[in-house]
Amino acid sequence: MSKQDQILDYIIQIKTDIGGIKQHLKDINGNVNRHDKEIKGIKKKVAYVSGVIATIGAGIGIFINRVLS
C-alpha cells in the first residue's frame, strides 16, 4: 500500500466519522425538539391548573365574604 493510498484511506475514514457525528447531532437535535414540545405541553397544563386553582380560590373568597357579611 503506497503512502497515497494510506492518505486516501485516512481521508475516507475521517469523512465516515464526520458523517456519523453529523447523524448523531441530528438525532440529538430531534430529541431536543421533542423535549421542547413536551415541556411546552407541561407548561400549558401547569398554567391551566394554576388558572383553575385561582378561580376556585376566588370563588371560595366570594363565598366566605357573603357568609361573613
PDB file of N, CA and C in Angstrom:
ATOM      1  N   MET A   1       0.853  -1.175   0.000  1.00  0.00           N
ATOM      2  CA  MET A   1       0.000   0.000   0.000  1.00  0.00           C
ATOM      3  C   MET A   1       0.904   1.245   0.000  1.00  0.00           C
ATOM      4  N   SER A   2       0.664   2.076  -0.983  1.00  0.00           N
ATOM      5  CA  SER A   2       1.502   3.273  -1.096  1.00  0.00           C
ATOM      6  C   SER A   2       1.065   4.322  -0.075  1.00  0.00           C
ATOM      7  N   LYS A   3       1.923   5.298   0.107  1.00  0.00           N
ATOM      8  CA  LYS A   3       1.636   6.396   1.037  1.00  0.00           C
ATOM      9  C   LYS A   3       0.348   7.116   0.611  1.00  0.00           C
ATOM     10  N   GLN A   4       0.179   7.285  -0.700  1.00  0.00           N
ATOM     11  CA  GLN A   4      -1.006   7.972  -1.224  1.00  0.00           C
ATOM     12  C   GLN A   4      -2.283   7.185  -0.891  1.00  0.00           C
ATOM     13  N   ASP A   5      -2.219   5.863  -1.027  1.00  0.00           N
ATOM     14  CA  ASP A   5      -3.381   5.026  -0.695  1.00  0.00           C
ATOM     15  C   ASP A   5      -3.723   5.126   0.794  1.00  0.00           C
ATOM     16  N   GLN A   6      -2.683   5.157   1.626  1.00  0.00           N
ATOM     17  CA  GLN A   6      -2.899   5.276   3.067  1.00  0.00           C
ATOM     18  C   GLN A   6      -3.584   6.606   3.398  1.00  0.00           C
ATOM     19  N   ILE A   7      -3.129   7.668   2.746  1.00  0.00           N
ATOM     20  CA  ILE A   7      -3.715   9.001   2.969  1.00  0.00           C
ATOM     21  C   ILE A   7      -5.177   9.002   2.526  1.00  0.00           C
ATOM     22  N   LEU A   8      -5.455   8.403   1.367  1.00  0.00           N
ATOM     23  CA  LEU A   8      -6.838   8.330   0.873  1.00  0.00           C
ATOM     24  C   LEU A   8      -7.724   7.549   1.851  1.00  0.00           C
ATOM     25  N   ASP A   9      -7.216   6.419   2.330  1.00  0.00           N
ATOM     26  CA  ASP A   9      -7.976   5.623   3.308  1.00  0.00           C
ATOM     27  C   ASP A   9      -8.264   6.433   4.563  1.00  0.00           C
ATOM     28  N   TYR A  10      -7.260   7.180   4.996  1.00  0.00           N
ATOM     29  CA  TYR A  10      -7.394   8.011   6.196  1.00  0.00           C
ATOM     30  C   TYR A  10      -8.461   9.084   5.987  1.00  0.00           C
ATOM     31  N   ILE A  11      -8.439   9.723   4.807  1.00  0.00           N
ATOM     32  CA  ILE A  11      -9.432  10.751   4.472  1.00  0.00           C
ATOM     33  C   ILE A  11     -10.834  10.146   4.440  1.00  0.00           C
ATOM     34  N   ILE A  12     -10.971   8.973   3.849  1.00  0.00           N
ATOM     35  CA  ILE A  12     -12.279   8.296   3.787  1.00  0.00           C
ATOM     36  C   ILE A  12     -12.772   7.994   5.202  1.00  0.00           C
ATOM     37  N   GLN A  13     -11.862   7.548   6.067  1.00  0.00           N
ATOM     38  CA  GLN A  13     -12.233   7.249   7.460  1.00  0.00           C
ATOM     39  C   GLN A  13     -12.705   8.512   8.175  1.00  0.00           C
ATOM     40  N   ILE A  14     -12.002   9.619   7.967  1.00  0.00           N
ATOM     41  CA  ILE A  14     -12.388  10.896   8.587  1.00  0.00           C
ATOM     42  C   ILE A  14     -13.772  11.317   8.097  1.00  0.00           C
ATOM     43  N   LYS A  15     -14.006  11.206   6.783  1.00  0.00           N
ATOM     44  CA  LYS A  15     -15.317  11.570   6.224  1.00  0.00           C
ATOM     45  C   LYS A  15     -16.421  10.701   6.821  1.00  0.00           C
ATOM     46  N   THR A  16     -16.145   9.421   6.996  1.00  0.00           N
ATOM     47  CA  THR A  16     -17.123   8.499   7.586  1.00  0.00           C
ATOM     48  C   THR A  16     -17.421   8.907   9.024  1.00  0.00           C
ATOM     49  N   ASP A  17     -16.360   9.228   9.777  1.00  0.00           N
ATOM     50  CA  ASP A  17     -16.529   9.658  11.168  1.00  0.00           C
ATOM     51  C   ASP A  17     -17.356  10.937  11.231  1.00  0.00           C
ATOM     52  N   ILE A  18     -17.073  11.893  10.362  1.00  0.00           N
ATOM     53  CA  ILE A  18     -17.808  13.164  10.333  1.00  0.00           C
ATOM     54  C   ILE A  18     -19.278  12.899  10.008  1.00  0.00           C
ATOM     55  N   GLY A  19     -19.536  11.992   9.076  1.00  0.00           N
ATOM     56  CA  GLY A  19     -20.920  11.632   8.734  1.00  0.00           C
ATOM     57  C   GLY A  19     -21.643  11.068   9.946  1.00  0.00           C
ATOM     58  N   GLY A  20     -20.956  10.212  10.704  1.00  0.00           N
ATOM     59  CA  GLY A  20     -21.551   9.643  11.917  1.00  0.00           C
ATOM     60  C   GLY A  20     -21.836  10.718  12.948  1.00  0.00           C
ATOM     61  N   ILE A  21     -20.905  11.651  13.101  1.00  0.00           N
ATOM     62  CA  ILE A  21     -21.075  12.750  14.059  1.00  0.00           C
ATOM     63  C   ILE A  21     -22.267  13.618  13.646  1.00  0.00           C
ATOM     64  N   LYS A  22     -22.372  13.926  12.347  1.00  0.00           N
ATOM     65  CA  LYS A  22     -23.490  14.740  11.851  1.00  0.00           C
ATOM     66  C   LYS A  22     -24.821  14.048  12.150  1.00  0.00           C
ATOM     67  N   GLN A  23     -24.885  12.735  11.926  1.00  0.00           N
ATOM     68  CA  GLN A  23     -26.122  11.991  12.186  1.00  0.00           C
ATOM     69  C   GLN A  23     -26.452  12.042  13.675  1.00  0.00           C
ATOM     70  N   HIS A  24     -25.431  11.887  14.494  1.00  0.00           N
ATOM     71  CA  HIS A  24     -25.626  11.927  15.949  1.00  0.00           C
ATOM     72  C   HIS A  24     -26.171  13.296  16.369  1.00  0.00           C
ATOM     73  N   LEU A  25     -25.636  14.367  15.800  1.00  0.00           N
ATOM     74  CA  LEU A  25     -26.107  15.719  16.113  1.00  0.00           C
ATOM     75  C   LEU A  25     -27.559  15.902  15.676  1.00  0.00           C
ATOM     76  N   LYS A  26     -27.915  15.345  14.509  1.00  0.00           N
ATOM     77  CA  LYS A  26     -29.305  15.423  14.046  1.00  0.00           C
ATOM     78  C   LYS A  26     -30.227  14.707  15.026  1.00  0.00           C
ATOM     79  N   ASP A  27     -29.786  13.530  15.508  1.00  0.00           N
ATOM     80  CA  ASP A  27     -30.590  12.774  16.474  1.00  0.00           C
ATOM     81  C   ASP A  27     -30.774  13.571  17.754  1.00  0.00           C
ATOM     82  N   ILE A  28     -29.685  14.179  18.240  1.00  0.00           N
ATOM     83  CA  ILE A  28     -29.750  14.996  19.462  1.00  0.00           C
ATOM     84  C   ILE A  28     -30.717  16.160  19.243  1.00  0.00           C
ATOM     85  N   ASN A  29     -30.605  16.818  18.099  1.00  0.00           N
ATOM     86  CA  ASN A  29     -31.475  17.952  17.780  1.00  0.00           C
ATOM     87  C   ASN A  29     -32.941  17.510  17.774  1.00  0.00           C
ATOM     88  N   GLY A  30     -33.208  16.348  17.189  1.00  0.00           N
ATOM     89  CA  GLY A  30     -34.573  15.814  17.167  1.00  0.00           C
ATOM     90  C   GLY A  30     -35.096  15.566  18.574  1.00  0.00           C
ATOM     91  N   ASN A  31     -34.233  14.994  19.434  1.00  0.00           N
ATOM     92  CA  ASN A  31     -34.628  14.737  20.819  1.00  0.00           C
ATOM     93  C   ASN A  31     -34.907  16.040  21.553  1.00  0.00           C
ATOM     94  N   VAL A  32     -34.061  17.050  21.323  1.00  0.00           N
ATOM     95  CA  VAL A  32     -34.245  18.359  21.973  1.00  0.00           C
ATOM     96  C   VAL A  32     -35.579  18.957  21.538  1.00  0.00           C
ATOM     97  N   ASN A  33     -35.884  18.897  20.240  1.00  0.00           N
ATOM     98  CA  ASN A  33     -37.149  19.451  19.739  1.00  0.00           C
ATOM     99  C   ASN A  33     -38.339  18.729  20.364  1.00  0.00           C
ATOM    100  N   ARG A  34     -38.228  17.403  20.480  1.00  0.00           N
ATOM    101  CA  ARG A  34     -39.317  16.621  21.062  1.00  0.00           C
ATOM    102  C   ARG A  34     -39.514  17.011  22.527  1.00  0.00           C
ATOM    103  N   HIS A  35     -38.399  17.162  23.253  1.00  0.00           N
ATOM    104  CA  HIS A  35     -38.488  17.547  24.664  1.00  0.00           C
ATOM    105  C   HIS A  35     -39.057  18.961  24.806  1.00  0.00           C
ATOM    106  N   ASP A  36     -38.687  19.849  23.877  1.00  0.00           N
ATOM    107  CA  ASP A  36     -39.240  21.213  23.907  1.00  0.00           C
ATOM    108  C   ASP A  36     -40.760  21.169  23.795  1.00  0.00           C
ATOM    109  N   LYS A  37     -41.261  20.328  22.883  1.00  0.00           N
ATOM    110  CA  LYS A  37     -42.712  20.210  22.709  1.00  0.00           C
ATOM    111  C   LYS A  37     -43.356  19.665  23.977  1.00  0.00           C
ATOM    112  N   GLU A  38     -42.705  18.654  24.611  1.00  0.00           N
ATOM    113  CA  GLU A  38     -43.245  18.080  25.840  1.00  0.00           C
ATOM    114  C   GLU A  38     -43.269  19.133  26.943  1.00  0.00           C
ATOM    115  N   ILE A  39     -42.199  19.920  27.045  1.00  0.00           N
ATOM    116  CA  ILE A  39     -42.111  20.962  28.078  1.00  0.00           C
ATOM    117  C   ILE A  39     -43.195  22.014  27.853  1.00  0.00           C
ATOM    118  N   LYS A  40     -43.411  22.411  26.590  1.00  0.00           N
ATOM    119  CA  LYS A  40     -44.469  23.392  26.291  1.00  0.00           C
ATOM    120  C   LYS A  40     -45.830  22.840  26.699  1.00  0.00           C
ATOM    121  N   GLY A  41     -46.052  21.556  26.446  1.00  0.00           N
ATOM    122  CA  GLY A  41     -47.320  20.920  26.841  1.00  0.00           C
ATOM    123  C   GLY A  41     -47.482  20.929  28.347  1.00  0.00           C
ATOM    124  N   ILE A  42     -46.395  20.626  29.066  1.00  0.00           N
ATOM    125  CA  ILE A  42     -46.446  20.633  30.532  1.00  0.00           C
ATOM    126  C   ILE A  42     -46.719  22.049  31.032  1.00  0.00           C
ATOM    127  N   LYS A  43     -46.055  23.054  30.432  1.00  0.00           N
ATOM    128  CA  LYS A  43     -46.272  24.443  30.845  1.00  0.00           C
ATOM    129  C   LYS A  43     -47.735  24.842  30.654  1.00  0.00           C
ATOM    130  N   LYS A  44     -48.340  24.406  29.531  1.00  0.00           N
ATOM    131  CA  LYS A  44     -49.754  24.720  29.280  1.00  0.00           C
ATOM    132  C   LYS A  44     -50.633  24.093  30.357  1.00  0.00           C
ATOM    133  N   LYS A  45     -50.325  22.831  30.728  1.00  0.00           N
ATOM    134  CA  LYS A  45     -51.113  22.147  31.751  1.00  0.00           C
ATOM    135  C   LYS A  45     -50.962  22.854  33.096  1.00  0.00           C
ATOM    136  N   VAL A  46     -49.728  23.253  33.429  1.00  0.00           N
ATOM    137  CA  VAL A  46     -49.484  23.957  34.692  1.00  0.00           C
ATOM    138  C   VAL A  46     -50.253  25.275  34.706  1.00  0.00           C
ATOM    139  N   ALA A  47     -50.219  26.004  33.598  1.00  0.00           N
ATOM    140  CA  ALA A  47     -50.938  27.282  33.510  1.00  0.00           C
ATOM    141  C   ALA A  47     -52.434  27.049  33.679  1.00  0.00           C
ATOM    142  N   TYR A  48     -52.945  25.994  33.064  1.00  0.00           N
ATOM    143  CA  TYR A  48     -54.375  25.676  33.167  1.00  0.00           C
ATOM    144  C   TYR A  48     -54.749  25.356  34.615  1.00  0.00           C
ATOM    145  N   VAL A  49     -53.945  24.494  35.256  1.00  0.00           N
ATOM    146  CA  VAL A  49     -54.217  24.108  36.646  1.00  0.00           C
ATOM    147  C   VAL A  49     -54.126  25.334  37.551  1.00  0.00           C
ATOM    148  N   SER A  50     -53.128  26.188  37.313  1.00  0.00           N
ATOM    149  CA  SER A  50     -52.990  27.427  38.108  1.00  0.00           C
ATOM    150  C   SER A  50     -54.229  28.297  37.953  1.00  0.00           C
ATOM    151  N   GLY A  51     -54.739  28.388  36.731  1.00  0.00           N
ATOM    152  CA  GLY A  51     -55.953  29.166  36.473  1.00  0.00           C
ATOM    153  C   GLY A  51     -57.151  28.594  37.206  1.00  0.00           C
ATOM    154  N   VAL A  52     -57.264  27.265  37.182  1.00  0.00           N
ATOM    155  CA  VAL A  52     -58.378  26.605  37.874  1.00  0.00           C
ATOM    156  C   VAL A  52     -58.280  26.860  39.373  1.00  0.00           C
ATOM    157  N   ILE A  53     -57.064  26.722  39.932  1.00  0.00           N
ATOM    158  CA  ILE A  53     -56.864  26.946  41.368  1.00  0.00           C
ATOM    159  C   ILE A  53     -57.207  28.395  41.726  1.00  0.00           C
ATOM    160  N   ALA A  54     -56.772  29.330  40.895  1.00  0.00           N
ATOM    161  CA  ALA A  54     -57.065  30.751  41.144  1.00  0.00           C
ATOM    162  C   ALA A  54     -58.569  30.994  41.117  1.00  0.00           C
ATOM    163  N   THR A  55     -59.259  30.379  40.172  1.00  0.00           N
ATOM    164  CA  THR A  55     -60.716  30.533  40.053  1.00  0.00           C
ATOM    165  C   THR A  55     -61.409  29.961  41.286  1.00  0.00           C
ATOM    166  N   ILE A  56     -60.971  28.778  41.715  1.00  0.00           N
ATOM    167  CA  ILE A  56     -61.559  28.148  42.909  1.00  0.00           C
ATOM    168  C   ILE A  56     -61.297  29.042  44.134  1.00  0.00           C
ATOM    169  N   GLY A  57     -60.047  29.549  44.224  1.00  0.00           N
ATOM    170  CA  GLY A  57     -59.687  30.430  45.339  1.00  0.00           C
ATOM    171  C   GLY A  57     -60.568  31.674  45.370  1.00  0.00           C
ATOM    172  N   ALA A  58     -60.791  32.268  44.213  1.00  0.00           N
ATOM    173  CA  ALA A  58     -61.647  33.467  44.132  1.00  0.00           C
ATOM    174  C   ALA A  58     -63.069  33.116  44.525  1.00  0.00           C
ATOM    175  N   GLY A  59     -63.545  31.969  44.075  1.00  0.00           N
ATOM    176  CA  GLY A  59     -64.902  31.516  44.418  1.00  0.00           C
ATOM    177  C   GLY A  59     -65.048  31.320  45.913  1.00  0.00           C
ATOM    178  N   ILE A  60     -64.058  30.705  46.543  1.00  0.00           N
ATOM    179  CA  ILE A  60     -64.096  30.485  47.996  1.00  0.00           C
ATOM    180  C   ILE A  60     -64.080  31.840  48.714  1.00  0.00           C
ATOM    181  N   GLY A  61     -63.234  32.773  48.227  1.00  0.00           N
ATOM    182  CA  GLY A  61     -63.172  34.107  48.822  1.00  0.00           C
ATOM    183  C   GLY A  61     -64.511  34.810  48.768  1.00  0.00           C
ATOM    184  N   ILE A  62     -65.178  34.751  47.634  1.00  0.00           N
ATOM    185  CA  ILE A  62     -66.500  35.385  47.472  1.00  0.00           C
ATOM    186  C   ILE A  62     -67.513  34.721  48.403  1.00  0.00           C
ATOM    187  N   PHE A  63     -67.471  33.386  48.466  1.00  0.00           N
ATOM    188  CA  PHE A  63     -68.390  32.631  49.322  1.00  0.00           C
ATOM    189  C   PHE A  63     -68.210  33.027  50.789  1.00  0.00           C
ATOM    190  N   ILE A  64     -66.945  33.083  51.242  1.00  0.00           N
ATOM    191  CA  ILE A  64     -66.656  33.444  52.635  1.00  0.00           C
ATOM    192  C   ILE A  64     -67.136  34.881  52.919  1.00  0.00           C
ATOM    193  N   ASN A  65     -66.897  35.792  51.960  1.00  0.00           N
ATOM    194  CA  ASN A  65     -67.361  37.181  52.133  1.00  0.00           C
ATOM    195  C   ASN A  65     -68.865  37.233  52.320  1.00  0.00           C
ATOM    196  N   ARG A  66     -69.590  36.475  51.526  1.00  0.00           N
ATOM    197  CA  ARG A  66     -71.063  36.506  51.607  1.00  0.00           C
ATOM    198  C   ARG A  66     -71.547  35.904  52.918  1.00  0.00           C
ATOM    199  N   VAL A  67     -70.873  34.823  53.361  1.00  0.00           N
ATOM    200  CA  VAL A  67     -71.280  34.162  54.598  1.00  0.00           C
ATOM    201  C   VAL A  67     -71.005  35.082  55.788  1.00  0.00           C
ATOM    202  N   LEU A  68     -69.861  35.762  55.753  1.00  0.00           N
ATOM    203  CA  LEU A  68     -69.470  36.598  56.888  1.00  0.00           C
ATOM    204  C   LEU A  68     -70.230  37.929  56.932  1.00  0.00           C
ATOM    205  N   SER A  69     -70.709  38.400  55.786  1.00  0.00           N
ATOM    206  CA  SER A  69     -71.350  39.720  55.784  1.00  0.00           C
ATOM    207  C   SER A  69     -72.839  39.649  56.043  1.00  0.00           C
TER     208      SER A  69
END
